[in-house]
């Protein structure tokens, strides 16, 4: 999952000639968006697990919490490398 974050981070921060009309996001914006998204996925997975009695859903929810928590740890590392000082936390 860490490779996915790196690719997403690089592609969102790279300038492109065809992207002239798109909003320009800086590193801090991207970190904030990705942090909110990962925390949202973790919360939704926990909700699904709490509401479901299906073992497959429980397993999938556990997988989502694990993967998105890993994403948050990697995002915090990348934010540190990029010097954007974020409030990324890997709570799960």
N, C-alpha and C. Protein backbone atom coordinates (compact mmCIF):
# COMPACT_ATOMS: atom_id res chain seq x y z
N UNK A 1 0.82 -1.18 0.00
CA UNK A 1 0.00 0.00 0.00
C UNK A 1 0.87 1.25 0.00
N UNK A 2 2.08 1.18 0.57
CA UNK A 2 2.97 2.33 0.60
C UNK A 2 3.35 2.82 -0.78
N UNK A 3 3.54 1.89 -1.72
CA UNK A 3 3.88 2.27 -3.09
C UNK A 3 2.73 3.04 -3.72
N UNK A 4 1.51 2.65 -3.42
CA UNK A 4 0.33 3.35 -3.93
C UNK A 4 0.35 4.80 -3.46
N UNK A 5 0.67 5.03 -2.18
CA UNK A 5 0.72 6.38 -1.65
C UNK A 5 1.79 7.21 -2.34
N UNK A 6 2.95 6.62 -2.55
CA UNK A 6 4.04 7.34 -3.18
C UNK A 6 3.65 7.76 -4.59
N UNK A 7 3.08 6.83 -5.35
CA UNK A 7 2.66 7.13 -6.72
C UNK A 7 1.60 8.23 -6.71
N UNK A 8 0.61 8.12 -5.82
CA UNK A 8 -0.44 9.13 -5.74
C UNK A 8 0.14 10.48 -5.34
N UNK A 9 1.01 10.49 -4.36
CA UNK A 9 1.62 11.72 -3.87
C UNK A 9 2.41 12.41 -4.99
N UNK A 10 3.22 11.63 -5.71
CA UNK A 10 4.03 12.18 -6.79
C UNK A 10 3.15 12.67 -7.92
N UNK A 11 2.14 11.89 -8.30
CA UNK A 11 1.31 12.30 -9.42
C UNK A 11 0.47 13.52 -9.09
N UNK A 12 0.05 13.68 -7.86
CA UNK A 12 -0.73 14.86 -7.49
C UNK A 12 0.14 16.10 -7.38
N UNK A 13 1.42 15.93 -7.09
CA UNK A 13 2.29 17.09 -6.91
C UNK A 13 3.06 17.44 -8.17
N UNK A 14 3.02 16.60 -9.18
CA UNK A 14 3.74 16.85 -10.42
C UNK A 14 2.97 17.82 -11.30
N UNK A 15 3.69 18.74 -11.89
CA UNK A 15 3.06 19.69 -12.82
C UNK A 15 2.96 19.03 -14.18
N UNK A 16 1.90 19.36 -14.89
CA UNK A 16 1.69 18.81 -16.22
C UNK A 16 1.21 19.92 -17.13
N UNK A 17 1.68 19.89 -18.37
CA UNK A 17 1.27 20.92 -19.33
C UNK A 17 -0.24 20.88 -19.56
N UNK A 18 -0.83 19.70 -19.51
CA UNK A 18 -2.27 19.58 -19.74
C UNK A 18 -3.09 19.95 -18.51
N UNK A 19 -2.44 20.23 -17.42
CA UNK A 19 -3.15 20.51 -16.17
C UNK A 19 -3.22 22.00 -15.87
N UNK A 20 -3.03 22.85 -16.86
CA UNK A 20 -2.98 24.29 -16.63
C UNK A 20 -4.28 24.84 -16.06
N UNK A 21 -5.40 24.27 -16.41
CA UNK A 21 -6.68 24.79 -15.94
C UNK A 21 -7.18 24.13 -14.65
N UNK A 22 -6.47 23.13 -14.18
CA UNK A 22 -6.87 22.46 -12.95
C UNK A 22 -6.40 23.26 -11.74
N UNK A 23 -7.08 23.09 -10.61
CA UNK A 23 -6.62 23.78 -9.39
C UNK A 23 -5.19 23.34 -9.06
N UNK A 24 -4.44 24.24 -8.51
CA UNK A 24 -3.07 23.92 -8.12
C UNK A 24 -3.05 23.60 -6.63
N UNK A 25 -2.71 22.38 -6.31
CA UNK A 25 -2.65 21.95 -4.92
C UNK A 25 -1.19 21.92 -4.48
N UNK A 26 -0.94 22.41 -3.28
CA UNK A 26 0.41 22.29 -2.76
C UNK A 26 0.49 21.03 -1.89
N UNK A 27 1.67 20.73 -1.43
CA UNK A 27 1.88 19.50 -0.65
C UNK A 27 1.00 19.45 0.59
N UNK A 28 0.84 20.57 1.27
CA UNK A 28 0.02 20.58 2.48
C UNK A 28 -1.44 20.25 2.17
N UNK A 29 -1.96 20.77 1.05
CA UNK A 29 -3.33 20.44 0.65
C UNK A 29 -3.49 18.95 0.40
N UNK A 30 -2.54 18.40 -0.31
CA UNK A 30 -2.60 16.97 -0.66
C UNK A 30 -2.53 16.11 0.60
N UNK A 31 -1.64 16.47 1.52
CA UNK A 31 -1.53 15.72 2.77
C UNK A 31 -2.84 15.80 3.54
N UNK A 32 -3.45 16.98 3.58
CA UNK A 32 -4.72 17.13 4.29
C UNK A 32 -5.82 16.29 3.65
N UNK A 33 -5.92 16.32 2.33
CA UNK A 33 -6.94 15.55 1.62
C UNK A 33 -6.75 14.05 1.87
N UNK A 34 -5.52 13.60 1.74
CA UNK A 34 -5.25 12.17 1.92
C UNK A 34 -5.48 11.73 3.36
N UNK A 35 -5.15 12.60 4.32
CA UNK A 35 -5.37 12.28 5.74
C UNK A 35 -6.85 12.13 6.04
N UNK A 36 -7.64 13.09 5.59
CA UNK A 36 -9.08 13.05 5.83
C UNK A 36 -9.68 11.81 5.17
N UNK A 37 -9.24 11.51 3.95
CA UNK A 37 -9.75 10.34 3.23
C UNK A 37 -9.44 9.05 3.96
N UNK A 38 -8.18 8.88 4.39
CA UNK A 38 -7.82 7.65 5.09
C UNK A 38 -8.56 7.51 6.42
N UNK A 39 -8.68 8.60 7.18
CA UNK A 39 -9.43 8.54 8.43
C UNK A 39 -10.89 8.19 8.17
N UNK A 40 -11.45 8.74 7.10
CA UNK A 40 -12.83 8.41 6.75
C UNK A 40 -13.01 6.94 6.41
N UNK A 41 -12.06 6.39 5.65
CA UNK A 41 -12.13 4.96 5.30
C UNK A 41 -12.03 4.09 6.56
N UNK A 42 -11.18 4.48 7.49
CA UNK A 42 -11.04 3.72 8.75
C UNK A 42 -12.34 3.76 9.53
N UNK A 43 -12.94 4.93 9.65
CA UNK A 43 -14.19 5.05 10.40
C UNK A 43 -15.32 4.28 9.74
N UNK A 44 -15.40 4.32 8.41
CA UNK A 44 -16.44 3.55 7.70
C UNK A 44 -16.24 2.05 7.88
N UNK A 45 -15.00 1.61 7.85
CA UNK A 45 -14.72 0.19 8.05
C UNK A 45 -15.12 -0.25 9.46
N UNK A 46 -14.83 0.58 10.45
CA UNK A 46 -15.22 0.26 11.83
C UNK A 46 -16.74 0.21 11.97
N UNK A 47 -17.42 1.14 11.32
CA UNK A 47 -18.88 1.16 11.35
C UNK A 47 -19.44 -0.11 10.72
N UNK A 48 -18.90 -0.49 9.57
CA UNK A 48 -19.37 -1.70 8.89
C UNK A 48 -19.16 -2.92 9.78
N UNK A 49 -18.00 -2.99 10.42
CA UNK A 49 -17.71 -4.13 11.29
C UNK A 49 -18.67 -4.17 12.48
N UNK A 50 -18.97 -3.02 13.05
CA UNK A 50 -19.88 -2.97 14.20
C UNK A 50 -21.32 -3.29 13.83
N UNK A 51 -21.72 -2.95 12.63
CA UNK A 51 -23.11 -3.15 12.21
C UNK A 51 -23.37 -4.52 11.59
N UNK A 52 -22.31 -5.18 11.15
CA UNK A 52 -22.48 -6.42 10.40
C UNK A 52 -22.30 -7.66 11.27
N UNK A 53 -22.98 -8.71 10.88
CA UNK A 53 -22.76 -10.02 11.51
C UNK A 53 -22.15 -10.99 10.49
N UNK A 54 -21.76 -10.46 9.34
CA UNK A 54 -21.18 -11.27 8.27
C UNK A 54 -19.66 -11.34 8.45
N UNK A 55 -19.12 -12.54 8.52
CA UNK A 55 -17.69 -12.74 8.75
C UNK A 55 -16.83 -12.16 7.63
N UNK A 56 -17.33 -12.22 6.40
CA UNK A 56 -16.57 -11.67 5.27
C UNK A 56 -16.46 -10.15 5.37
N UNK A 57 -17.52 -9.52 5.80
CA UNK A 57 -17.50 -8.07 5.97
C UNK A 57 -16.55 -7.70 7.11
N UNK A 58 -16.58 -8.46 8.19
CA UNK A 58 -15.66 -8.22 9.30
C UNK A 58 -14.20 -8.32 8.84
N UNK A 59 -13.91 -9.35 8.05
CA UNK A 59 -12.55 -9.55 7.55
C UNK A 59 -12.14 -8.40 6.64
N UNK A 60 -13.04 -8.01 5.75
CA UNK A 60 -12.75 -6.91 4.83
C UNK A 60 -12.56 -5.60 5.61
N UNK A 61 -13.39 -5.36 6.61
CA UNK A 61 -13.28 -4.15 7.43
C UNK A 61 -11.93 -4.12 8.15
N UNK A 62 -11.51 -5.26 8.69
CA UNK A 62 -10.20 -5.33 9.35
C UNK A 62 -9.09 -5.00 8.35
N UNK A 63 -9.22 -5.52 7.15
CA UNK A 63 -8.24 -5.27 6.09
C UNK A 63 -8.19 -3.77 5.76
N UNK A 64 -9.35 -3.14 5.67
CA UNK A 64 -9.41 -1.70 5.37
C UNK A 64 -8.76 -0.88 6.48
N UNK A 65 -9.03 -1.21 7.73
CA UNK A 65 -8.42 -0.49 8.85
C UNK A 65 -6.91 -0.64 8.81
N UNK A 66 -6.44 -1.86 8.59
CA UNK A 66 -5.00 -2.10 8.53
C UNK A 66 -4.36 -1.32 7.40
N UNK A 67 -4.92 -1.42 6.20
CA UNK A 67 -4.34 -0.74 5.03
C UNK A 67 -4.35 0.78 5.18
N UNK A 68 -5.45 1.34 5.62
CA UNK A 68 -5.52 2.79 5.72
C UNK A 68 -4.71 3.33 6.89
N UNK A 69 -4.53 2.54 7.94
CA UNK A 69 -3.64 2.94 9.02
C UNK A 69 -2.19 2.94 8.53
N UNK A 70 -1.84 1.95 7.72
CA UNK A 70 -0.51 1.91 7.10
C UNK A 70 -0.33 3.12 6.19
N UNK A 71 -1.36 3.46 5.42
CA UNK A 71 -1.30 4.65 4.56
C UNK A 71 -1.00 5.89 5.38
N UNK A 72 -1.66 6.04 6.53
CA UNK A 72 -1.45 7.21 7.37
C UNK A 72 -0.03 7.28 7.90
N UNK A 73 0.53 6.14 8.27
CA UNK A 73 1.93 6.12 8.74
C UNK A 73 2.88 6.54 7.62
N UNK A 74 2.65 6.01 6.42
CA UNK A 74 3.50 6.36 5.28
C UNK A 74 3.29 7.83 4.90
N UNK A 75 2.08 8.31 4.97
CA UNK A 75 1.79 9.70 4.67
C UNK A 75 2.51 10.63 5.65
N UNK A 76 2.50 10.27 6.93
CA UNK A 76 3.21 11.07 7.94
C UNK A 76 4.70 11.10 7.62
N UNK A 77 5.24 9.98 7.19
CA UNK A 77 6.66 9.93 6.83
C UNK A 77 6.93 10.83 5.63
N UNK A 78 6.10 10.73 4.59
CA UNK A 78 6.28 11.56 3.40
C UNK A 78 6.10 13.05 3.71
N UNK A 79 5.15 13.36 4.58
CA UNK A 79 4.93 14.76 4.96
C UNK A 79 6.18 15.30 5.65
N UNK A 80 6.80 14.47 6.46
CA UNK A 80 8.04 14.88 7.12
C UNK A 80 9.15 15.11 6.11
N UNK A 81 9.27 14.23 5.13
CA UNK A 81 10.29 14.36 4.09
C UNK A 81 10.06 15.63 3.29
N UNK A 82 8.79 15.91 2.96
CA UNK A 82 8.46 17.09 2.17
C UNK A 82 8.45 18.36 3.03
N UNK A 83 8.53 18.19 4.35
CA UNK A 83 8.56 19.34 5.24
C UNK A 83 7.24 20.10 5.33
N UNK A 84 6.15 19.39 5.23
CA UNK A 84 4.85 20.06 5.30
C UNK A 84 4.23 19.99 6.68
N UNK A 85 4.93 19.41 7.64
CA UNK A 85 4.46 19.37 9.02
C UNK A 85 2.98 19.18 9.14
N UNK A 86 2.53 17.96 9.11
CA UNK A 86 1.10 17.71 9.11
C UNK A 86 0.63 17.17 10.44
N UNK A 87 -0.68 17.16 10.58
CA UNK A 87 -1.30 16.59 11.78
C UNK A 87 -1.73 15.15 11.48
N UNK A 88 -0.98 14.48 10.62
CA UNK A 88 -1.30 13.10 10.27
C UNK A 88 -1.05 12.22 11.48
N UNK A 89 -2.05 11.44 11.85
CA UNK A 89 -1.88 10.48 12.92
C UNK A 89 -2.39 9.14 12.43
N UNK A 90 -1.74 8.11 12.88
CA UNK A 90 -2.10 6.76 12.44
C UNK A 90 -2.96 6.07 13.49
N UNK A 91 -3.95 6.77 14.01
CA UNK A 91 -4.84 6.15 14.98
C UNK A 91 -5.75 5.16 14.27
N UNK A 92 -6.08 4.10 14.94
CA UNK A 92 -7.00 3.14 14.34
C UNK A 92 -7.90 2.55 15.38
